[in-house]
Amino acid sequence: MPLDREEDWQTFFQGSFTRARTGIYQGRFEPIAGPQIFNKSFIRVLAQSPGARRTWWLAGTLIQEIGFGMEFQRWKVPIGVKNIIKVEYSDKYRLRFLPVPWLLDLLLQIDVYAGEEAEEGPTVEQSTEQLLDLTSQLENLIDIGSL
């Protein structure tokens, strides 16, 4: 599965954000949440901050929520790097982004992988079960041949 092919990625969420100047979020970013995602195992996140100092590397934390806002996974997101993330639970989820408090502005883009995902192979248990079945069949054939 070539995740580096640009044409296999689709922009899912994109936005430009600044710290709130008034209201209950004054001096902070308002919550950043995207729409629900269905059946996408790979996402790519790019966070940029034009006002960030060169020594700053962290843009914030990306949170995967399932159900009614239950947090399932978290990832640190660096500034200016396209970060590919494998989502463990991918049936239906929402992403929320929490910028670090020292950023003044943020450009956030979330892409989903739309290319063909490789089928996952059998589990160890399934492979072991198949091997035992084959062994049993071979033993039966050997027993029949010795009659």
C-alpha atoms as a PDB file:
ATOM      1  CA  MET A   1       0.000   0.000   0.000  1.00  0.00           C
ATOM      2  CA  PRO A   2       1.867   3.104  -1.200  1.00  0.00           C
ATOM      3  CA  LEU A   3       0.898   5.848   1.257  1.00  0.00           C
ATOM      4  CA  ASP A   4       3.312   8.258  -0.428  1.00  0.00           C
ATOM      5  CA  ARG A   5       1.184   8.663  -3.584  1.00  0.00           C
ATOM      6  CA  GLU A   6      -0.271  12.165  -3.310  1.00  0.00           C
ATOM      7  CA  GLU A   7      -3.233  11.362  -5.585  1.00  0.00           C
ATOM      8  CA  ASP A   8      -4.504   8.772  -3.063  1.00  0.00           C
ATOM      9  CA  TRP A   9      -5.095  11.411  -0.371  1.00  0.00           C
ATOM     10  CA  GLN A  10      -8.238  13.572  -0.125  1.00  0.00           C
ATOM     11  CA  THR A  11      -8.522  16.700   1.979  1.00  0.00           C
ATOM     12  CA  PHE A  12     -11.157  16.023   4.608  1.00  0.00           C
ATOM     13  CA  PHE A  13     -10.853  19.048   6.880  1.00  0.00           C
ATOM     14  CA  GLN A  14      -9.018  22.328   6.465  1.00  0.00           C
ATOM     15  CA  GLY A  15      -9.080  25.520   8.458  1.00  0.00           C
ATOM     16  CA  SER A  16      -7.283  28.616   9.625  1.00  0.00           C
ATOM     17  CA  PHE A  17      -7.545  29.435  13.326  1.00  0.00           C
ATOM     18  CA  THR A  18      -6.411  32.203  15.665  1.00  0.00           C
ATOM     19  CA  ARG A  19      -6.661  32.692  19.390  1.00  0.00           C
ATOM     20  CA  ALA A  20      -9.976  34.093  20.546  1.00  0.00           C
ATOM     21  CA  ARG A  21      -9.814  37.761  21.534  1.00  0.00           C
ATOM     22  CA  THR A  22     -13.080  37.877  23.455  1.00  0.00           C
ATOM     23  CA  GLY A  23     -15.565  35.546  25.128  1.00  0.00           C
ATOM     24  CA  ILE A  24     -15.013  32.452  27.193  1.00  0.00           C
ATOM     25  CA  TYR A  25     -12.051  31.320  25.064  1.00  0.00           C
ATOM     26  CA  GLN A  26     -10.219  34.657  25.299  1.00  0.00           C
ATOM     27  CA  GLY A  27      -6.482  34.074  24.919  1.00  0.00           C
ATOM     28  CA  ARG A  28      -7.003  30.449  23.802  1.00  0.00           C
ATOM     29  CA  PHE A  29      -8.154  28.634  20.701  1.00  0.00           C
ATOM     30  CA  GLU A  30     -11.797  27.631  20.457  1.00  0.00           C
ATOM     31  CA  PRO A  31     -12.233  23.841  20.257  1.00  0.00           C
ATOM     32  CA  ILE A  32     -11.299  22.480  16.821  1.00  0.00           C
ATOM     33  CA  ALA A  33     -13.320  19.410  15.846  1.00  0.00           C
ATOM     34  CA  GLY A  34     -13.861  17.912  12.436  1.00  0.00           C
ATOM     35  CA  PRO A  35     -16.881  16.036  11.096  1.00  0.00           C
ATOM     36  CA  GLN A  36     -17.222  12.284  11.582  1.00  0.00           C
ATOM     37  CA  ILE A  37     -15.019   9.952   9.561  1.00  0.00           C
ATOM     38  CA  PHE A  38     -16.209   6.525   8.438  1.00  0.00           C
ATOM     39  CA  ASN A  39     -13.965   3.532   7.672  1.00  0.00           C
ATOM     40  CA  LYS A  40     -10.689   5.378   7.110  1.00  0.00           C
ATOM     41  CA  SER A  41      -7.664   3.688   8.698  1.00  0.00           C
ATOM     42  CA  PHE A  42      -5.052   6.222   7.626  1.00  0.00           C
ATOM     43  CA  ILE A  43      -5.112   9.970   8.115  1.00  0.00           C
ATOM     44  CA  ARG A  44      -2.500  12.600   7.368  1.00  0.00           C
ATOM     45  CA  VAL A  45      -2.200  15.773   9.422  1.00  0.00           C
ATOM     46  CA  LEU A  46      -0.371  18.967   8.540  1.00  0.00           C
ATOM     47  CA  ALA A  47      -0.306  21.774  11.107  1.00  0.00           C
ATOM     48  CA  GLN A  48       1.437  25.038  10.320  1.00  0.00           C
ATOM     49  CA  SER A  49       1.814  28.238  12.270  1.00  0.00           C
ATOM     50  CA  PRO A  50       3.160  31.254  10.372  1.00  0.00           C
ATOM     51  CA  GLY A  51       3.841  33.052  13.653  1.00  0.00           C
ATOM     52  CA  ALA A  52       5.722  30.173  15.301  1.00  0.00           C
ATOM     53  CA  ARG A  53       9.351  30.575  16.296  1.00  0.00           C
ATOM     54  CA  ARG A  54      11.861  28.329  14.551  1.00  0.00           C
ATOM     55  CA  THR A  55      12.646  26.581  17.835  1.00  0.00           C
ATOM     56  CA  TRP A  56       9.023  25.486  18.359  1.00  0.00           C
ATOM     57  CA  TRP A  57       8.347  21.981  17.080  1.00  0.00           C
ATOM     58  CA  LEU A  58       4.948  21.028  18.565  1.00  0.00           C
ATOM     59  CA  ALA A  59       1.645  22.268  17.118  1.00  0.00           C
ATOM     60  CA  GLY A  60      -0.667  20.369  19.425  1.00  0.00           C
ATOM     61  CA  THR A  61      -2.439  17.102  20.147  1.00  0.00           C
ATOM     62  CA  LEU A  62      -4.807  15.257  17.839  1.00  0.00           C
ATOM     63  CA  ILE A  63      -7.456  13.220  19.655  1.00  0.00           C
ATOM     64  CA  GLN A  64      -9.597  10.435  18.220  1.00  0.00           C
ATOM     65  CA  GLU A  65     -13.062  10.309  19.771  1.00  0.00           C
ATOM     66  CA  ILE A  66     -15.538   7.462  19.400  1.00  0.00           C
ATOM     67  CA  GLY A  67     -19.142   7.195  20.542  1.00  0.00           C
ATOM     68  CA  PHE A  68     -20.307  10.294  22.380  1.00  0.00           C
ATOM     69  CA  GLY A  69     -16.980  12.072  22.776  1.00  0.00           C
ATOM     70  CA  MET A  70     -15.062   9.238  24.438  1.00  0.00           C
ATOM     71  CA  GLU A  71     -11.335   9.686  23.915  1.00  0.00           C
ATOM     72  CA  PHE A  72      -9.761   6.635  22.249  1.00  0.00           C
ATOM     73  CA  GLN A  73      -6.285   7.681  21.031  1.00  0.00           C
ATOM     74  CA  ARG A  74      -3.948  10.719  21.089  1.00  0.00           C
ATOM     75  CA  TRP A  75      -1.054  11.801  18.903  1.00  0.00           C
ATOM     76  CA  LYS A  76       1.416  14.686  19.161  1.00  0.00           C
ATOM     77  CA  VAL A  77       1.448  16.724  15.943  1.00  0.00           C
ATOM     78  CA  PRO A  78       4.636  18.565  14.933  1.00  0.00           C
ATOM     79  CA  ILE A  79       4.644  21.932  13.166  1.00  0.00           C
ATOM     80  CA  GLY A  80       5.202  21.880   9.416  1.00  0.00           C
ATOM     81  CA  VAL A  81       5.450  18.100   8.939  1.00  0.00           C
ATOM     82  CA  LYS A  82       2.943  15.893   7.111  1.00  0.00           C
ATOM     83  CA  ASN A  83       2.291  13.255   9.730  1.00  0.00           C
ATOM     84  CA  ILE A  84       0.674   9.951   8.630  1.00  0.00           C
ATOM     85  CA  ILE A  85      -1.285   8.241  11.390  1.00  0.00           C
ATOM     86  CA  LYS A  86      -2.683   4.689  11.497  1.00  0.00           C
ATOM     87  CA  VAL A  87      -6.043   4.776  13.254  1.00  0.00           C
ATOM     88  CA  GLU A  88      -6.627   1.554  15.220  1.00  0.00           C
ATOM     89  CA  TYR A  89     -10.422   1.873  15.495  1.00  0.00           C
ATOM     90  CA  SER A  90     -11.699   3.155  12.172  1.00  0.00           C
ATOM     91  CA  ASP A  91     -15.417   2.330  11.876  1.00  0.00           C
ATOM     92  CA  LYS A  92     -16.791   5.742  12.859  1.00  0.00           C
ATOM     93  CA  TYR A  93     -14.883   8.436  14.721  1.00  0.00           C
ATOM     94  CA  ARG A  94     -14.301  12.156  15.104  1.00  0.00           C
ATOM     95  CA  LEU A  95     -11.018  14.044  15.405  1.00  0.00           C
ATOM     96  CA  ARG A  96     -10.416  16.930  17.788  1.00  0.00           C
ATOM     97  CA  PHE A  97      -7.296  19.092  17.766  1.00  0.00           C
ATOM     98  CA  LEU A  98      -5.889  20.887  20.808  1.00  0.00           C
ATOM     99  CA  PRO A  99      -3.260  23.480  19.831  1.00  0.00           C
ATOM    100  CA  VAL A 100      -0.461  24.236  22.265  1.00  0.00           C
ATOM    101  CA  PRO A 101      -1.175  27.436  24.226  1.00  0.00           C
ATOM    102  CA  TRP A 102       1.804  29.443  22.958  1.00  0.00           C
ATOM    103  CA  LEU A 103       0.722  29.456  19.293  1.00  0.00           C
ATOM    104  CA  LEU A 104      -1.011  32.589  18.039  1.00  0.00           C
ATOM    105  CA  ASP A 105      -2.276  31.191  14.743  1.00  0.00           C
ATOM    106  CA  LEU A 106      -2.760  27.786  13.162  1.00  0.00           C
ATOM    107  CA  LEU A 107      -3.369  26.328   9.714  1.00  0.00           C
ATOM    108  CA  LEU A 108      -4.669  22.776  10.017  1.00  0.00           C
ATOM    109  CA  GLN A 109      -5.265  20.256   7.247  1.00  0.00           C
ATOM    110  CA  ILE A 110      -6.464  16.684   7.721  1.00  0.00           C
ATOM    111  CA  ASP A 111      -6.440  14.297   4.766  1.00  0.00           C
ATOM    112  CA  VAL A 112      -7.862  10.779   4.554  1.00  0.00           C
ATOM    113  CA  TYR A 113      -6.322   7.969   2.562  1.00  0.00           C
ATOM    114  CA  ALA A 114      -8.688   7.154  -0.303  1.00  0.00           C
ATOM    115  CA  GLY A 115      -6.479   4.630  -2.107  1.00  0.00           C
ATOM    116  CA  GLU A 116      -6.920   0.894  -1.891  1.00  0.00           C
ATOM    117  CA  GLU A 117      -6.013  -0.507   1.486  1.00  0.00           C
ATOM    118  CA  ALA A 118      -4.377  -3.903   1.468  1.00  0.00           C
ATOM    119  CA  GLU A 119      -6.414  -6.707   2.933  1.00  0.00           C
ATOM    120  CA  GLU A 120      -5.083  -7.772   6.284  1.00  0.00           C
ATOM    121  CA  GLY A 121      -3.866 -11.348   6.399  1.00  0.00           C
ATOM    122  CA  PRO A 122      -5.097 -14.025   8.775  1.00  0.00           C
ATOM    123  CA  THR A 123      -4.344 -13.737  12.475  1.00  0.00           C
ATOM    124  CA  VAL A 124      -1.863 -16.046  14.170  1.00  0.00           C
ATOM    125  CA  GLU A 125      -4.775 -18.027  15.650  1.00  0.00           C
ATOM    126  CA  GLN A 126      -6.396 -18.453  12.225  1.00  0.00           C
ATOM    127  CA  SER A 127      -3.087 -19.525  10.649  1.00  0.00           C
ATOM    128  CA  THR A 128      -2.447 -22.030  13.445  1.00  0.00           C
ATOM    129  CA  GLU A 129      -5.950 -23.444  13.060  1.00  0.00           C
ATOM    130  CA  GLN A 130      -5.463 -23.838   9.295  1.00  0.00           C
ATOM    131  CA  LEU A 131      -2.101 -25.546   9.838  1.00  0.00           C
ATOM    132  CA  LEU A 132      -3.638 -28.000  12.336  1.00  0.00           C
ATOM    133  CA  ASP A 133      -6.435 -28.786   9.864  1.00  0.00           C
ATOM    134  CA  LEU A 134      -3.909 -29.480   7.109  1.00  0.00           C
ATOM    135  CA  THR A 135      -1.830 -31.647   9.444  1.00  0.00           C
ATOM    136  CA  SER A 136      -4.926 -33.636  10.381  1.00  0.00           C
ATOM    137  CA  GLN A 137      -5.844 -34.109   6.714  1.00  0.00           C
ATOM    138  CA  LEU A 138      -2.306 -35.296   5.906  1.00  0.00           C
ATOM    139  CA  GLU A 139      -2.377 -37.774   8.791  1.00  0.00           C
ATOM    140  CA  ASN A 140      -5.699 -39.141   7.483  1.00  0.00           C
ATOM    141  CA  LEU A 141      -4.222 -39.543   3.991  1.00  0.00           C
ATOM    142  CA  ILE A 142      -1.168 -41.369   5.395  1.00  0.00           C
ATOM    143  CA  ASP A 143      -3.437 -43.681   7.434  1.00  0.00           C
ATOM    144  CA  ILE A 144      -5.540 -44.453   4.309  1.00  0.00           C
ATOM    145  CA  GLY A 145      -2.371 -45.124   2.264  1.00  0.00           C
ATOM    146  CA  SER A 146      -1.038 -47.633   4.795  1.00  0.00           C
ATOM    147  CA  LEU A 147      -4.156 -49.835   4.610  1.00  0.00           C
END
